[in-house]
Amino acid sequence: MSVVAIVLAAGEGTRMRSNRPKPLHLICGRPMVMHAIHALEQVKPDRTVVVVGHGAEQVIRKVGEQAPAWAGVTFARQERQLGTGDAVAAGMSALTHEELDHLDDATVVTLFGDLPLLRAETVDSLVSEHVAHQRAATLLTCVEGDATGYGRIVRAPSKSGDGRVLRIVEQRDATPEELAIGEWNTGVMAVRGDLLGPALRRLSPDNAQQQYYLTDVVGILAALGHQVGTVQASLDETLGINDRWQLALAEREFRNRTNRRWLLNGVTMLDPRQTFIDVTVTLGRDVTLFPGTILQGSTTVGDGSEIGPSARLTDCRIGAGCTVQHTVGVGATVGDGAQVGPFAHLPEGSMVPAGLTTGAFYTAEEHSAQGA
């Protein structure tokens, strides 16, 4: 069965207090909306529609530059902020006639562009469970942590405690009894393609926010007798980003994941808590990173090199067997076996030849001038 993904990235994000569009705020060197797209990597959607609104041109440009080819990214505009249901309807409108004709055999996955910690394995599990059980919809839910602000999962009474899903009630519309429900909606959903369009057309803005809720699709499908199921996510995947504090929490969690991955792949870090690596960085085997090391952008480090302490390298190429101490570099190249620093400056386009020992307070321009 094919997959179509709709990523909602039209929100203004006023609580970020920034001129930068909310979906483009960086986490581990990658815009948060790109993290959401990469969460689709294992399901390999035939089409990924990114729904844009505020800062649309900037989001379209950045996502267009960075989106992987396998995602099949295209864009749709939500002209007015009328709710998540309206946003998904806008995303559906971006599909071609041929794609719409094949929705009967497709699963539509909807997710938010400000949910950067979602793992690709979790999305794959959601879709697999949805297809295997032939459900109308499958929700990604969580039963950990504080549910405040999230929609609650309302189930039919059941002696086993596993009643069928009846609907999702948003916090503003919930009764005190519903607010006490411990299972809450993460905002990620898999829906049968042939059922999503008709359900969207039945949405109503009759709620506290006078918006078209995507979550009401669940109640519509359940009321028609369709099966709606759930897959549970861990709490560390469910943090949505609405302000700079939540952005910092997500950054810390993602850096922990990134550092752990490199540690398990042959990189040594004397203190992972003081080592900062973007997800776009590539490291060789037996690389050693000392405290205060910051590796950003497209930086690559060859086998056996030692970086730090207190080095910040952005878009740099460091060869094998190098030592780079107390150095700031941007767009520079360091040849194999070079010893750089301490207190070196490597500006854009500079190169340290293989085997060179620079000494203290080195700048690449000085070396180039001497070589000339």
Protein backbone atom coordinates (compact mmCIF):
# COMPACT_ATOMS: atom_id res chain seq x y z
CA MET A 1 0.00 0.00 0.00
CA SER A 2 1.31 3.44 -0.91
CA VAL A 3 1.72 6.31 1.56
CA VAL A 4 0.94 9.99 1.16
CA ALA A 5 2.20 12.31 3.92
CA ILE A 6 0.85 15.72 4.85
CA VAL A 7 3.11 17.83 7.07
CA LEU A 8 1.40 20.82 8.71
CA ALA A 9 3.79 23.76 8.84
CA ALA A 10 1.57 26.82 8.40
CA GLY A 11 1.46 28.11 11.97
CA GLU A 12 2.68 31.57 12.91
CA GLY A 13 4.43 30.57 16.13
CA THR A 14 3.93 33.87 17.93
CA ARG A 15 5.32 32.48 21.19
CA MET A 16 8.69 31.97 19.50
CA ARG A 17 9.00 35.78 19.39
CA SER A 18 11.04 35.67 16.21
CA ASN A 19 11.15 37.01 12.68
CA ARG A 20 12.10 33.52 11.52
CA PRO A 21 9.16 31.29 10.49
CA LYS A 22 8.51 28.74 13.22
CA PRO A 23 9.16 25.64 11.03
CA LEU A 24 12.67 26.92 10.23
CA HIS A 25 14.01 27.17 13.77
CA LEU A 26 17.03 24.91 14.00
CA ILE A 27 17.43 21.79 16.12
CA CYS A 28 20.84 20.14 15.88
CA GLY A 29 21.56 22.14 12.73
CA ARG A 30 18.39 21.16 10.85
CA PRO A 31 15.11 23.11 10.56
CA MET A 32 12.46 21.46 12.72
CA VAL A 33 10.15 20.88 9.74
CA MET A 34 12.97 18.90 8.12
CA HIS A 35 13.12 16.66 11.19
CA ALA A 36 9.43 15.94 10.66
CA ILE A 37 10.07 15.07 7.02
CA HIS A 38 12.97 12.78 7.95
CA ALA A 39 10.65 10.96 10.36
CA LEU A 40 8.96 9.60 7.20
CA GLU A 41 12.14 7.98 5.91
CA GLN A 42 11.18 4.37 6.64
CA VAL A 43 7.68 4.61 5.13
CA LYS A 44 9.05 6.28 1.98
CA PRO A 45 5.93 8.26 0.97
CA ASP A 46 5.04 8.55 -2.71
CA ARG A 47 4.23 12.20 -2.03
CA THR A 48 4.90 14.51 0.91
CA VAL A 49 2.81 17.68 0.94
CA VAL A 50 4.12 20.43 3.21
CA VAL A 51 1.30 22.84 4.08
CA VAL A 52 2.68 26.36 4.49
CA GLY A 53 1.19 29.65 5.63
CA HIS A 54 3.14 32.23 7.60
CA GLY A 55 6.56 32.82 6.03
CA ALA A 56 5.54 30.56 3.17
CA GLU A 57 8.20 31.70 0.70
CA GLN A 58 11.03 31.17 3.19
CA VAL A 59 9.75 27.74 4.19
CA ILE A 60 9.28 26.66 0.58
CA ARG A 61 12.78 27.80 -0.34
CA LYS A 62 14.53 26.13 2.60
CA VAL A 63 12.60 22.86 2.43
CA GLY A 64 13.06 22.78 -1.34
CA GLU A 65 16.83 23.03 -0.84
CA GLN A 66 17.10 20.40 1.89
CA ALA A 67 14.33 17.86 1.29
CA PRO A 68 15.62 14.37 0.38
CA ALA A 69 14.61 13.07 -3.03
CA TRP A 70 12.81 10.04 -1.56
CA ALA A 71 10.27 12.31 0.18
CA GLY A 72 8.70 13.59 -3.07
CA VAL A 73 8.02 16.97 -1.48
CA THR A 74 5.49 19.43 -2.86
CA PHE A 75 3.75 22.38 -1.21
CA ALA A 76 0.26 23.64 -0.48
CA ARG A 77 -0.80 26.98 1.00
CA GLN A 78 -3.30 27.42 3.78
CA GLU A 79 -4.47 30.91 2.97
CA ARG A 80 -6.39 31.41 6.22
CA GLN A 81 -5.72 29.74 9.56
CA LEU A 82 -9.01 27.85 9.95
CA GLY A 83 -7.68 24.85 11.85
CA THR A 84 -5.84 21.60 11.31
CA GLY A 85 -8.69 20.02 9.37
CA ASP A 86 -8.64 22.91 6.92
CA ALA A 87 -4.84 22.58 6.65
CA VAL A 88 -5.08 18.88 5.74
CA ALA A 89 -7.80 19.69 3.19
CA ALA A 90 -5.39 22.23 1.67
CA GLY A 91 -2.74 19.52 1.55
CA MET A 92 -5.10 17.13 -0.22
CA SER A 93 -5.83 19.80 -2.83
CA ALA A 94 -2.13 19.77 -3.83
CA LEU A 95 -2.34 16.15 -5.01
CA THR A 96 -2.57 15.51 -8.73
CA HIS A 97 -5.67 13.96 -10.29
CA GLU A 98 -3.75 10.72 -10.72
CA GLU A 99 -2.69 10.71 -7.06
CA LEU A 100 -6.26 11.39 -5.95
CA ASP A 101 -7.48 8.53 -8.11
CA HIS A 102 -5.11 6.17 -6.27
CA LEU A 103 -6.06 7.31 -2.75
CA ASP A 104 -8.33 4.27 -2.43
CA ASP A 105 -5.17 2.18 -2.14
CA ALA A 106 -3.19 4.65 -0.04
CA THR A 107 -2.60 5.49 3.61
CA VAL A 108 -2.47 9.20 4.40
CA VAL A 109 -0.13 10.10 7.28
CA THR A 110 -0.61 13.52 8.88
CA LEU A 111 1.90 15.05 11.24
CA PHE A 112 2.99 18.44 12.51
CA GLY A 113 6.10 20.26 11.36
CA ASP A 114 6.84 21.30 14.95
CA LEU A 115 7.17 17.72 16.22
CA PRO A 116 10.91 17.23 15.58
CA LEU A 117 11.64 14.39 18.01
CA LEU A 118 9.41 11.84 16.29
CA ARG A 119 11.41 8.76 15.29
CA ALA A 120 11.20 7.17 11.84
CA GLU A 121 10.75 3.76 13.50
CA THR A 122 7.64 5.02 15.29
CA VAL A 123 6.02 6.31 12.09
CA ASP A 124 6.82 3.02 10.37
CA SER A 125 5.21 1.11 13.25
CA LEU A 126 2.12 3.34 13.05
CA VAL A 127 1.64 2.70 9.34
CA SER A 128 2.40 -1.01 9.64
CA GLU A 129 -0.16 -1.48 12.43
CA HIS A 130 -2.71 0.58 10.51
CA VAL A 131 -2.36 -1.49 7.34
CA ALA A 132 -2.08 -4.87 9.09
CA HIS A 133 -5.33 -4.36 11.00
CA GLN A 134 -7.14 -2.72 8.04
CA ARG A 135 -8.30 0.19 10.19
CA ALA A 136 -9.99 3.36 9.06
CA ALA A 137 -7.58 5.38 11.18
CA THR A 138 -4.72 4.73 13.59
CA LEU A 139 -3.63 7.38 16.09
CA LEU A 140 -0.26 7.88 17.69
CA THR A 141 -1.03 8.44 21.37
CA CYS A 142 0.88 8.78 24.62
CA VAL A 143 0.01 7.81 28.19
CA GLU A 144 3.06 9.35 29.89
CA GLY A 145 3.67 12.81 31.31
CA ASP A 146 1.31 15.76 31.60
CA ALA A 147 -1.59 15.75 29.12
CA THR A 148 -2.36 19.45 29.64
CA GLY A 149 -3.01 21.17 26.34
CA TYR A 150 -3.49 17.98 24.35
CA GLY A 151 -6.61 16.29 23.03
CA ARG A 152 -7.79 13.33 25.10
CA ILE A 153 -8.62 9.92 23.63
CA VAL A 154 -12.21 9.03 24.51
CA ARG A 155 -12.94 5.31 24.45
CA ALA A 156 -16.05 3.21 24.89
CA PRO A 157 -16.43 1.66 28.36
CA SER A 158 -14.69 -1.69 28.61
CA LYS A 159 -14.01 -4.10 31.47
CA SER A 160 -10.57 -4.77 30.06
CA GLY A 161 -9.78 -1.05 29.90
CA ASP A 162 -9.13 -1.30 26.16
CA GLY A 163 -12.38 0.08 24.76
CA ARG A 164 -12.65 1.11 21.16
CA VAL A 165 -11.79 4.70 20.28
CA LEU A 166 -14.87 6.91 19.96
CA ARG A 167 -13.38 10.38 19.45
CA ILE A 168 -10.74 12.91 20.43
CA VAL A 169 -11.80 15.85 22.56
CA GLU A 170 -9.63 18.96 22.60
CA GLN A 171 -8.78 20.39 25.99
CA ARG A 172 -10.83 23.56 25.53
CA ASP A 173 -13.93 21.49 24.77
CA ALA A 174 -13.42 18.77 27.38
CA THR A 175 -15.49 18.13 30.48
CA PRO A 176 -13.75 17.65 33.86
CA GLU A 177 -14.18 13.89 33.46
CA GLU A 178 -12.59 13.97 30.00
CA LEU A 179 -9.71 16.12 31.27
CA ALA A 180 -8.89 13.33 33.73
CA ILE A 181 -8.21 10.89 30.84
CA GLY A 182 -4.53 9.94 30.81
CA GLU A 183 -4.22 8.98 27.12
CA TRP A 184 -3.63 11.92 24.82
CA ASN A 185 -3.22 12.67 21.14
CA THR A 186 0.23 13.44 19.72
CA GLY A 187 -1.14 14.87 16.47
CA VAL A 188 0.16 12.05 14.26
CA MET A 189 -2.40 9.95 12.43
CA ALA A 190 -2.67 7.35 9.65
CA VAL A 191 -5.99 7.34 7.75
CA ARG A 192 -7.37 5.34 4.86
CA GLY A 193 -7.12 7.54 1.81
CA ASP A 194 -10.61 6.75 0.55
CA LEU A 195 -12.17 7.81 3.87
CA LEU A 196 -10.20 10.95 4.68
CA GLY A 197 -11.67 13.25 2.02
CA PRO A 198 -15.35 12.49 2.84
CA ALA A 199 -14.63 12.88 6.58
CA LEU A 200 -12.93 16.25 6.04
CA ARG A 201 -15.99 17.50 4.17
CA ARG A 202 -18.13 16.73 7.23
CA LEU A 203 -16.05 18.79 9.66
CA SER A 204 -17.72 21.67 11.47
CA PRO A 205 -16.21 24.67 13.34
CA ASP A 206 -18.72 24.17 16.17
CA ASN A 207 -16.19 24.23 19.01
CA ALA A 208 -14.50 26.62 21.45
CA GLN A 209 -11.97 27.86 18.86
CA GLN A 210 -14.41 27.90 15.93
CA GLN A 211 -11.95 25.93 13.84
CA TYR A 212 -12.05 22.81 11.70
CA TYR A 213 -10.33 20.19 13.86
CA LEU A 214 -8.58 17.33 12.12
CA THR A 215 -9.17 15.33 15.30
CA ASP A 216 -12.93 15.39 14.63
CA VAL A 217 -12.27 13.01 11.73
CA VAL A 218 -11.84 10.30 14.37
CA GLY A 219 -15.32 10.81 15.80
CA ILE A 220 -16.86 10.92 12.33
CA LEU A 221 -15.25 7.62 11.28
CA ALA A 222 -16.04 5.88 14.59
CA ALA A 223 -19.68 7.01 14.44
CA LEU A 224 -19.95 5.37 11.02
CA GLY A 225 -18.80 2.09 12.54
CA HIS A 226 -15.24 2.17 11.25
CA GLN A 227 -12.41 0.79 13.36
CA VAL A 228 -10.02 3.33 14.88
CA GLY A 229 -6.91 2.06 16.66
CA THR A 230 -3.90 3.46 18.47
CA VAL A 231 -0.15 3.00 18.68
CA GLN A 232 1.64 4.39 21.72
CA ALA A 233 4.65 6.67 21.50
CA SER A 234 7.24 7.34 24.18
CA LEU A 235 7.15 10.71 25.90
CA ASP A 236 10.52 11.83 24.50
CA GLU A 237 9.08 11.80 20.96
CA THR A 238 6.01 13.88 21.63
CA LEU A 239 7.35 17.32 22.55
CA GLY A 240 5.81 19.95 20.29
CA ILE A 241 7.68 23.25 19.93
CA ASN A 242 5.77 26.41 20.80
CA ASP A 243 8.41 28.58 22.49
CA ARG A 244 12.16 28.92 22.98
CA TRP A 245 12.14 26.86 26.18
CA GLN A 246 10.61 23.87 24.39
CA LEU A 247 13.07 24.45 21.53
CA ALA A 248 15.96 24.17 24.00
CA LEU A 249 14.52 20.97 25.51
CA ALA A 250 14.19 19.44 22.05
CA GLU A 251 17.73 20.50 21.17
CA ARG A 252 19.08 18.77 24.29
CA GLU A 253 17.18 15.56 23.57
CA PHE A 254 18.23 15.46 19.93
CA ARG A 255 21.88 16.12 20.80
CA ASN A 256 21.77 13.25 23.30
CA ARG A 257 20.49 10.94 20.55
CA THR A 258 23.10 12.20 18.07
CA ASN A 259 26.00 11.83 20.50
CA ARG A 260 24.88 8.35 21.52
CA ARG A 261 24.75 7.26 17.87
CA TRP A 262 28.33 8.43 17.28
CA LEU A 263 29.61 6.92 20.53
CA LEU A 264 28.20 3.56 19.44
CA ASN A 265 29.90 3.96 16.05
CA GLY A 266 33.48 4.35 17.24
CA VAL A 267 33.77 8.02 18.28
CA THR A 268 35.20 8.98 21.69
CA MET A 269 33.81 11.94 23.65
CA LEU A 270 35.42 12.84 26.96
CA ASP A 271 32.18 14.53 28.03
CA PRO A 272 29.14 14.12 25.76
CA ARG A 273 27.32 16.83 27.72
CA GLN A 274 29.88 19.36 26.46
CA THR A 275 30.06 18.08 22.89
CA PHE A 276 27.74 19.52 20.23
CA ILE A 277 27.31 17.81 16.85
CA ASP A 278 24.82 18.74 14.14
CA VAL A 279 22.92 15.88 12.51
CA THR A 280 24.49 16.89 9.19
CA VAL A 281 28.07 16.23 10.39
CA THR A 282 30.04 13.13 9.37
CA LEU A 283 32.69 11.57 11.64
CA GLY A 284 35.23 8.83 10.94
CA ARG A 285 36.21 5.98 13.21
CA ASP A 286 38.42 6.58 16.27
CA VAL A 287 37.75 10.31 16.21
CA THR A 288 38.22 11.90 19.66
CA LEU A 289 36.19 14.96 20.64
CA PHE A 290 37.29 16.97 23.66
CA PRO A 291 34.95 19.13 25.76
CA GLY A 292 33.75 22.35 24.18
CA THR A 293 33.80 20.93 20.63
CA ILE A 294 31.07 22.30 18.33
CA LEU A 295 30.74 20.70 14.88
CA GLN A 296 28.19 22.28 12.55
CA GLY A 297 26.81 22.20 9.02
CA SER A 298 28.48 19.84 6.55
CA THR A 299 31.67 19.36 8.59
CA THR A 300 33.48 16.04 8.07
CA VAL A 301 36.24 14.65 10.30
CA GLY A 302 38.54 11.86 9.12
CA ASP A 303 39.58 8.72 10.97
CA GLY A 304 41.73 9.12 14.05
CA SER A 305 41.53 12.91 14.30
CA GLU A 306 41.32 14.77 17.60
CA ILE A 307 39.16 17.88 17.81
CA GLY A 308 39.15 20.30 20.74
CA PRO A 309 39.05 21.30 23.41
CA SER A 310 37.08 24.46 22.58
CA ALA A 311 36.89 24.14 18.79
CA ARG A 312 34.04 25.35 16.60
CA LEU A 313 34.08 24.09 13.01
CA THR A 314 31.36 24.91 10.49
CA ASP A 315 31.26 23.37 7.00
CA CYS A 316 34.89 22.26 7.36
CA ARG A 317 36.72 19.22 5.98
CA ILE A 318 39.20 17.76 8.44
CA GLY A 319 41.45 15.00 7.17
CA ALA A 320 42.57 11.82 8.92
CA GLY A 321 45.01 11.88 11.83
CA CYS A 322 44.66 15.62 12.49
CA THR A 323 44.73 17.56 15.73
CA VAL A 324 42.65 20.75 15.88
CA GLN A 325 42.74 22.63 19.21
CA HIS A 326 41.08 25.88 20.34
CA THR A 327 40.20 26.68 16.72
CA VAL A 328 37.41 28.49 14.89
CA GLY A 329 36.92 27.45 11.28
CA VAL A 330 34.30 28.13 8.60
CA GLY A 331 34.36 26.43 5.20
CA ALA A 332 38.03 25.45 5.61
CA THR A 333 39.99 22.31 4.67
CA VAL A 334 42.66 20.68 6.83
CA GLY A 335 44.87 18.09 5.18
CA ASP A 336 45.73 14.67 6.63
CA GLY A 337 48.05 14.69 9.62
CA ALA A 338 47.99 18.47 10.13
CA GLN A 339 48.34 19.87 13.65
CA VAL A 340 46.28 23.04 14.01
CA GLY A 341 46.25 25.47 16.93
CA PRO A 342 45.94 26.33 19.65
CA PHE A 343 43.97 29.52 18.99
CA ALA A 344 43.88 29.18 15.21
CA HIS A 345 41.52 30.90 12.78
CA LEU A 346 40.49 29.15 9.56
CA PRO A 347 38.34 31.47 7.41
CA GLU A 348 36.09 30.62 4.47
CA GLY A 349 37.93 28.84 1.66
CA SER A 350 41.23 28.47 3.51
CA MET A 351 43.36 25.32 3.51
CA VAL A 352 45.92 23.88 5.89
CA PRO A 353 48.28 21.60 3.94
CA ALA A 354 48.69 17.98 4.94
CA GLY A 355 51.33 17.40 7.63
CA LEU A 356 51.69 21.07 8.60
CA THR A 357 52.08 22.05 12.26
CA THR A 358 50.72 25.56 12.58
CA GLY A 359 51.70 26.58 16.09
CA ALA A 360 49.74 29.01 18.24
CA PHE A 361 47.65 31.98 16.99
CA TYR A 362 47.78 30.80 13.40
CA THR A 363 45.59 32.20 10.66
CA ALA A 364 45.29 30.59 7.26
CA GLU A 365 45.76 33.91 5.47
CA GLU A 366 49.23 34.30 6.98
CA HIS A 367 50.27 30.86 5.75
CA SER A 368 48.90 31.54 2.25
CA ALA A 369 50.81 34.80 2.04
CA GLN A 370 54.05 33.11 3.13
CA GLY A 371 53.51 30.32 0.62
CA ALA A 372 53.03 32.88 -2.16
